[in-house]
PDB file of N, CA and C in Angstrom:
ATOM      1  N   MET A   1    -136.342  93.883-101.965  1.00  0.00           N
ATOM      2  CA  MET A   1    -135.154  93.163-102.374  1.00  0.00           C
ATOM      3  C   MET A   1    -134.122  94.194-102.858  1.00  0.00           C
ATOM      4  N   SER A   2    -132.890  94.027-102.410  1.00  0.00           N
ATOM      5  CA  SER A   2    -131.851  94.978-102.804  1.00  0.00           C
ATOM      6  C   SER A   2    -131.318  94.669-104.208  1.00  0.00           C
ATOM      7  N   LYS A   3    -130.693  95.668-104.807  1.00  0.00           N
ATOM      8  CA  LYS A   3    -130.082  95.474-106.131  1.00  0.00           C
ATOM      9  C   LYS A   3    -129.022  94.385-106.081  1.00  0.00           C
ATOM     10  N   ASN A   4    -128.281  94.317-104.969  1.00  0.00           N
ATOM     11  CA  ASN A   4    -127.211  93.328-104.872  1.00  0.00           C
ATOM     12  C   ASN A   4    -127.730  91.897-104.861  1.00  0.00           C
ATOM     13  N   VAL A   5    -128.907  91.687-104.313  1.00  0.00           N
ATOM     14  CA  VAL A   5    -129.496  90.344-104.307  1.00  0.00           C
ATOM     15  C   VAL A   5    -129.670  89.857-105.743  1.00  0.00           C
ATOM     16  N   GLN A   6    -130.266  90.677-106.579  1.00  0.00           N
ATOM     17  CA  GLN A   6    -130.474  90.291-107.975  1.00  0.00           C
ATOM     18  C   GLN A   6    -129.143  90.163-108.712  1.00  0.00           C
ATOM     19  N   LYS A   7    -128.222  91.090-108.469  1.00  0.00           N
ATOM     20  CA  LYS A   7    -126.915  91.044-109.135  1.00  0.00           C
ATOM     21  C   LYS A   7    -126.151  89.777-108.759  1.00  0.00           C
ATOM     22  N   LEU A   8    -126.173  89.415-107.473  1.00  0.00           N
ATOM     23  CA  LEU A   8    -125.477  88.204-107.044  1.00  0.00           C
ATOM     24  C   LEU A   8    -126.132  86.966-107.634  1.00  0.00           C
ATOM     25  N   ALA A   9    -127.446  86.908-107.620  1.00  0.00           N
ATOM     26  CA  ALA A   9    -128.141  85.769-108.210  1.00  0.00           C
ATOM     27  C   ALA A   9    -127.794  85.638-109.695  1.00  0.00           C
ATOM     28  N   ASP A  10    -127.801  86.747-110.410  1.00  0.00           N
ATOM     29  CA  ASP A  10    -127.451  86.724-111.834  1.00  0.00           C
ATOM     30  C   ASP A  10    -126.018  86.250-112.041  1.00  0.00           C
ATOM     31  N   ALA A  11    -125.095  86.727-111.195  1.00  0.00           N
ATOM     32  CA  ALA A  11    -123.686  86.332-111.317  1.00  0.00           C
ATOM     33  C   ALA A  11    -123.504  84.839-111.046  1.00  0.00           C
ATOM     34  N   LEU A  12    -124.218  84.308-110.061  1.00  0.00           N
ATOM     35  CA  LEU A  12    -124.109  82.881-109.743  1.00  0.00           C
ATOM     36  C   LEU A  12    -124.701  82.011-110.849  1.00  0.00           C
ATOM     37  N   VAL A  13    -125.819  82.448-111.400  1.00  0.00           N
ATOM     38  CA  VAL A  13    -126.419  81.705-112.514  1.00  0.00           C
ATOM     39  C   VAL A  13    -125.481  81.721-113.717  1.00  0.00           C
ATOM     40  N   MET A  14    -124.904  82.872-114.008  1.00  0.00           N
ATOM     41  CA  MET A  14    -123.964  82.984-115.125  1.00  0.00           C
ATOM     42  C   MET A  14    -122.754  82.076-114.889  1.00  0.00           C
ATOM     43  N   ALA A  15    -122.258  82.051-113.674  1.00  0.00           N
ATOM     44  CA  ALA A  15    -121.119  81.190-113.350  1.00  0.00           C
ATOM     45  C   ALA A  15    -121.473  79.723-113.570  1.00  0.00           C
ATOM     46  N   GLN A  16    -122.661  79.330-113.151  1.00  0.00           N
ATOM     47  CA  GLN A  16    -123.106  77.941-113.345  1.00  0.00           C
ATOM     48  C   GLN A  16    -123.236  77.602-114.820  1.00  0.00           C
ATOM     49  N   GLN A  17    -123.772  78.505-115.587  1.00  0.00           N
ATOM     50  CA  GLN A  17    -124.045  78.231-116.993  1.00  0.00           C
ATOM     51  C   GLN A  17    -122.798  78.315-117.876  1.00  0.00           C
ATOM     52  N   THR A  18    -121.844  79.163-117.510  1.00  0.00           N
ATOM     53  CA  THR A  18    -120.678  79.381-118.376  1.00  0.00           C
ATOM     54  C   THR A  18    -119.383  78.807-117.826  1.00  0.00           C
ATOM     55  N   GLY A  19    -119.356  78.496-116.531  1.00  0.00           N
ATOM     56  CA  GLY A  19    -118.133  78.026-115.906  1.00  0.00           C
ATOM     57  C   GLY A  19    -117.179  79.156-115.534  1.00  0.00           C
ATOM     58  N   GLN A  20    -117.598  80.393-115.788  1.00  0.00           N
ATOM     59  CA  GLN A  20    -116.777  81.555-115.436  1.00  0.00           C
ATOM     60  C   GLN A  20    -117.005  81.888-113.968  1.00  0.00           C
ATOM     61  N   ILE A  21    -115.916  82.033-113.222  1.00  0.00           N
ATOM     62  CA  ILE A  21    -116.045  82.261-111.791  1.00  0.00           C
ATOM     63  C   ILE A  21    -116.434  83.703-111.483  1.00  0.00           C
ATOM     64  N   VAL A  22    -117.016  83.894-110.306  1.00  0.00           N
ATOM     65  CA  VAL A  22    -117.275  85.228-109.781  1.00  0.00           C
ATOM     66  C   VAL A  22    -115.974  85.662-109.126  1.00  0.00           C
ATOM     67  N   ASN A  23    -115.419  86.800-109.549  1.00  0.00           N
ATOM     68  CA  ASN A  23    -114.126  87.197-109.000  1.00  0.00           C
ATOM     69  C   ASN A  23    -114.266  87.679-107.555  1.00  0.00           C
ATOM     70  N   TYR A  24    -113.133  87.744-106.878  1.00  0.00           N
ATOM     71  CA  TYR A  24    -113.104  88.072-105.460  1.00  0.00           C
ATOM     72  C   TYR A  24    -113.749  89.425-105.171  1.00  0.00           C
ATOM     73  N   GLN A  25    -113.387  90.436-105.936  1.00  0.00           N
ATOM     74  CA  GLN A  25    -113.919  91.780-105.696  1.00  0.00           C
ATOM     75  C   GLN A  25    -115.440  91.799-105.848  1.00  0.00           C
ATOM     76  N   GLN A  26    -115.931  91.166-106.909  1.00  0.00           N
ATOM     77  CA  GLN A  26    -117.373  91.121-107.129  1.00  0.00           C
ATOM     78  C   GLN A  26    -118.062  90.358-106.000  1.00  0.00           C
ATOM     79  N   ALA A  27    -117.470  89.260-105.567  1.00  0.00           N
ATOM     80  CA  ALA A  27    -118.055  88.479-104.478  1.00  0.00           C
ATOM     81  C   ALA A  27    -118.140  89.306-103.200  1.00  0.00           C
ATOM     82  N   CYS A  28    -117.084  90.060-102.902  1.00  0.00           N
ATOM     83  CA  CYS A  28    -117.089  90.913-101.703  1.00  0.00           C
ATOM     84  C   CYS A  28    -118.152  91.997-101.803  1.00  0.00           C
ATOM     85  N   GLU A  29    -118.262  92.615-102.969  1.00  0.00           N
ATOM     86  CA  GLU A  29    -119.235  93.692-103.159  1.00  0.00           C
ATOM     87  C   GLU A  29    -120.672  93.197-103.075  1.00  0.00           C
ATOM     88  N   LEU A  30    -120.912  91.965-103.497  1.00  0.00           N
ATOM     89  CA  LEU A  30    -122.269  91.442-103.574  1.00  0.00           C
ATOM     90  C   LEU A  30    -122.655  90.541-102.402  1.00  0.00           C
ATOM     91  N   THR A  31    -121.773  90.395-101.419  1.00  0.00           N
ATOM     92  CA  THR A  31    -122.070  89.543-100.270  1.00  0.00           C
ATOM     93  C   THR A  31    -123.378  89.989 -99.620  1.00  0.00           C
ATOM     94  N   PRO A  32    -124.304  89.051 -99.402  1.00  0.00           N
ATOM     95  CA  PRO A  32    -125.582  89.421 -98.785  1.00  0.00           C
ATOM     96  C   PRO A  32    -125.370  90.084 -97.429  1.00  0.00           C
ATOM     97  N   ALA A  33    -126.203  91.070 -97.128  1.00  0.00           N
ATOM     98  CA  ALA A  33    -126.099  91.824 -95.880  1.00  0.00           C
ATOM     99  C   ALA A  33    -126.782  91.119 -94.718  1.00  0.00           C
ATOM    100  N   SER A  34    -127.569  90.091 -95.008  1.00  0.00           N
ATOM    101  CA  SER A  34    -128.311  89.397 -93.949  1.00  0.00           C
ATOM    102  C   SER A  34    -128.644  87.983 -94.403  1.00  0.00           C
ATOM    103  N   ASP A  35    -129.094  87.177 -93.442  1.00  0.00           N
ATOM    104  CA  ASP A  35    -129.567  85.829 -93.780  1.00  0.00           C
ATOM    105  C   ASP A  35    -130.735  85.911 -94.751  1.00  0.00           C
ATOM    106  N   GLU A  36    -131.624  86.879 -94.533  1.00  0.00           N
ATOM    107  CA  GLU A  36    -132.796  87.034 -95.404  1.00  0.00           C
ATOM    108  C   GLU A  36    -132.360  87.263 -96.859  1.00  0.00           C
ATOM    109  N   GLU A  37    -131.372  88.137 -97.062  1.00  0.00           N
ATOM    110  CA  GLU A  37    -130.886  88.378 -98.424  1.00  0.00           C
ATOM    111  C   GLU A  37    -130.243  87.124 -99.014  1.00  0.00           C
ATOM    112  N   ALA A  38    -129.525  86.383 -98.186  1.00  0.00           N
ATOM    113  CA  ALA A  38    -128.899  85.145 -98.672  1.00  0.00           C
ATOM    114  C   ALA A  38    -129.957  84.149 -99.148  1.00  0.00           C
ATOM    115  N   TYR A  39    -131.048  84.036 -98.398  1.00  0.00           N
ATOM    116  CA  TYR A  39    -132.126  83.134 -98.807  1.00  0.00           C
ATOM    117  C   TYR A  39    -132.843  83.644-100.058  1.00  0.00           C
ATOM    118  N   GLN A  40    -132.923  84.954-100.226  1.00  0.00           N
ATOM    119  CA  GLN A  40    -133.500  85.508-101.448  1.00  0.00           C
ATOM    120  C   GLN A  40    -132.631  85.146-102.659  1.00  0.00           C
ATOM    121  N   VAL A  41    -131.322  85.255-102.496  1.00  0.00           N
ATOM    122  CA  VAL A  41    -130.399  84.868-103.577  1.00  0.00           C
ATOM    123  C   VAL A  41    -130.595  83.396-103.898  1.00  0.00           C
ATOM    124  N   GLN A  42    -130.628  82.568-102.874  1.00  0.00           N
ATOM    125  CA  GLN A  42    -130.808  81.135-103.077  1.00  0.00           C
ATOM    126  C   GLN A  42    -132.093  80.839-103.850  1.00  0.00           C
ATOM    127  N   ALA A  43    -133.176  81.495-103.484  1.00  0.00           N
ATOM    128  CA  ALA A  43    -134.457  81.263-104.155  1.00  0.00           C
ATOM    129  C   ALA A  43    -134.403  81.695-105.618  1.00  0.00           C
ATOM    130  N   LEU A  44    -133.786  82.831-105.895  1.00  0.00           N
ATOM    131  CA  LEU A  44    -133.681  83.308-107.277  1.00  0.00           C
ATOM    132  C   LEU A  44    -132.849  82.369-108.138  1.00  0.00           C
ATOM    133  N   VAL A  45    -131.715  81.918-107.589  1.00  0.00           N
ATOM    134  CA  VAL A  45    -130.847  81.000-108.332  1.00  0.00           C
ATOM    135  C   VAL A  45    -131.571  79.683-108.592  1.00  0.00           C
ATOM    136  N   ALA A  46    -132.205  79.146-107.566  1.00  0.00           N
ATOM    137  CA  ALA A  46    -132.929  77.884-107.718  1.00  0.00           C
ATOM    138  C   ALA A  46    -134.039  77.994-108.750  1.00  0.00           C
ATOM    139  N   GLU A  47    -134.765  79.107-108.730  1.00  0.00           N
ATOM    140  CA  GLU A  47    -135.844  79.309-109.699  1.00  0.00           C
ATOM    141  C   GLU A  47    -135.287  79.396-111.123  1.00  0.00           C
ATOM    142  N   LYS A  48    -134.248  80.195-111.306  1.00  0.00           N
ATOM    143  CA  LYS A  48    -133.676  80.395-112.639  1.00  0.00           C
ATOM    144  C   LYS A  48    -133.119  79.094-113.211  1.00  0.00           C
ATOM    145  N   LEU A  49    -132.522  78.272-112.366  1.00  0.00           N
ATOM    146  CA  LEU A  49    -131.923  77.022-112.831  1.00  0.00           C
ATOM    147  C   LEU A  49    -132.900  75.850-112.798  1.00  0.00           C
ATOM    148  N   GLY A  50    -134.123  76.094-112.305  1.00  0.00           N
ATOM    149  CA  GLY A  50    -135.147  75.052-112.310  1.00  0.00           C
ATOM    150  C   GLY A  50    -134.863  73.899-111.374  1.00  0.00           C
ATOM    151  N   TRP A  51    -134.145  74.164-110.292  1.00  0.00           N
ATOM    152  CA  TRP A  51    -133.728  73.078-109.406  1.00  0.00           C
ATOM    153  C   TRP A  51    -134.873  72.396-108.691  1.00  0.00           C
ATOM    154  N   PHE A  52    -135.919  73.099-108.376  1.00  0.00           N
ATOM    155  CA  PHE A  52    -137.002  72.498-107.604  1.00  0.00           C
ATOM    156  C   PHE A  52    -138.251  72.269-108.441  1.00  0.00           C
ATOM    157  N   ALA A  53    -138.103  72.350-109.746  1.00  0.00           N
ATOM    158  CA  ALA A  53    -139.239  72.157-110.644  1.00  0.00           C
ATOM    159  C   ALA A  53    -139.567  70.678-110.832  1.00  0.00           C
ATOM    160  N   SER A  54    -138.611  69.799-110.597  1.00  0.00           N
ATOM    161  CA  SER A  54    -138.842  68.373-110.816  1.00  0.00           C
ATOM    162  C   SER A  54    -139.183  67.682-109.500  1.00  0.00           C
ATOM    163  N   GLU A  55    -139.642  66.479-109.602  1.00  0.00           N
ATOM    164  CA  GLU A  55    -139.970  65.678-108.426  1.00  0.00           C
ATOM    165  C   GLU A  55    -138.740  64.981-107.862  1.00  0.00           C
ATOM    166  N   GLU A  56    -137.648  64.993-108.599  1.00  0.00           N
ATOM    167  CA  GLU A  56    -136.412  64.348-108.145  1.00  0.00           C
ATOM    168  C   GLU A  56    -135.890  65.061-106.900  1.00  0.00           C
ATOM    169  N   ARG A  57    -135.474  64.306-105.911  1.00  0.00           N
ATOM    170  CA  ARG A  57    -134.941  64.865-104.672  1.00  0.00           C
ATOM    171  C   ARG A  57    -133.421  64.816-104.707  1.00  0.00           C
ATOM    172  N   PHE A  58    -132.816  65.877-104.263  1.00  0.00           N
ATOM    173  CA  PHE A  58    -131.360  65.918-104.162  1.00  0.00           C
ATOM    174  C   PHE A  58    -130.960  66.961-103.123  1.00  0.00           C
ATOM    175  N   ILE A  59    -129.722  66.867-102.667  1.00  0.00           N
ATOM    176  CA  ILE A  59    -129.209  67.829-101.705  1.00  0.00           C
ATOM    177  C   ILE A  59    -128.469  68.904-102.470  1.00  0.00           C
ATOM    178  N   TRP A  60    -128.864  70.150-102.249  1.00  0.00           N
ATOM    179  CA  TRP A  60    -128.214  71.255-102.933  1.00  0.00           C
ATOM    180  C   TRP A  60    -126.997  71.726-102.158  1.00  0.00           C
ATOM    181  N   LYS A  61    -127.128  71.851-100.869  1.00  0.00           N
ATOM    182  CA  LYS A  61    -126.004  72.286-100.053  1.00  0.00           C
ATOM    183  C   LYS A  61    -126.135  71.689 -98.663  1.00  0.00           C
ATOM    184  N   THR A  62    -125.024  71.530 -98.024  1.00  0.00           N
ATOM    185  CA  THR A  62    -125.004  71.099 -96.644  1.00  0.00           C
ATOM    186  C   THR A  62    -124.018  71.962 -95.896  1.00  0.00           C
ATOM    187  N   GLY A  63    -124.109  71.983 -94.623  1.00  0.00           N
ATOM    188  CA  GLY A  63    -123.180  72.772 -93.820  1.00  0.00           C
ATOM    189  C   GLY A  63    -122.992  72.152 -92.468  1.00  0.00           C
ATOM    190  N   GLY A  64    -121.967  72.582 -91.789  1.00  0.00           N
ATOM    191  CA  GLY A  64    -121.683  72.051 -90.463  1.00  0.00           C
ATOM    192  C   GLY A  64    -121.057  70.683 -90.520  1.00  0.00           C
ATOM    193  N   THR A  65    -121.085  70.019 -89.403  1.00  0.00           N
ATOM    194  CA  THR A  65    -120.510  68.675 -89.344  1.00  0.00           C
ATOM    195  C   THR A  65    -121.581  67.689 -88.921  1.00  0.00           C
ATOM    196  N   LEU A  66    -121.346  66.458 -89.206  1.00  0.00           N
ATOM    197  CA  LEU A  66    -122.294  65.392 -88.834  1.00  0.00           C
ATOM    198  C   LEU A  66    -121.815  64.639 -87.606  1.00  0.00           C
ATOM    199  N   GLN A  67    -120.754  65.111 -86.984  1.00  0.00           N
ATOM    200  CA  GLN A  67    -120.212  64.443 -85.804  1.00  0.00           C
ATOM    201  C   GLN A  67    -120.982  64.847 -84.567  1.00  0.00           C
ATOM    202  N   ASN A  68    -121.064  63.930 -83.602  1.00  0.00           N
ATOM    203  CA  ASN A  68    -121.722  64.226 -82.310  1.00  0.00           C
ATOM    204  C   ASN A  68    -120.739  64.830 -81.351  1.00  0.00           C
TER     205      ASN A  68
END
């Protein structure tokens, strides 16, 4: 795992907890280098925030369109 993966996960958790945004420069510097790194960030954030610890089901993110 790269240093940026942990740094980005920490920044996103801090943003969620404090309402302070991740600035543009920091976001550019910490952008994941691959899909694998992006999923690592997602897993770290979800673990830290306890999103999947409960039995409650919810949608965390969606993408694309639902049109045929």
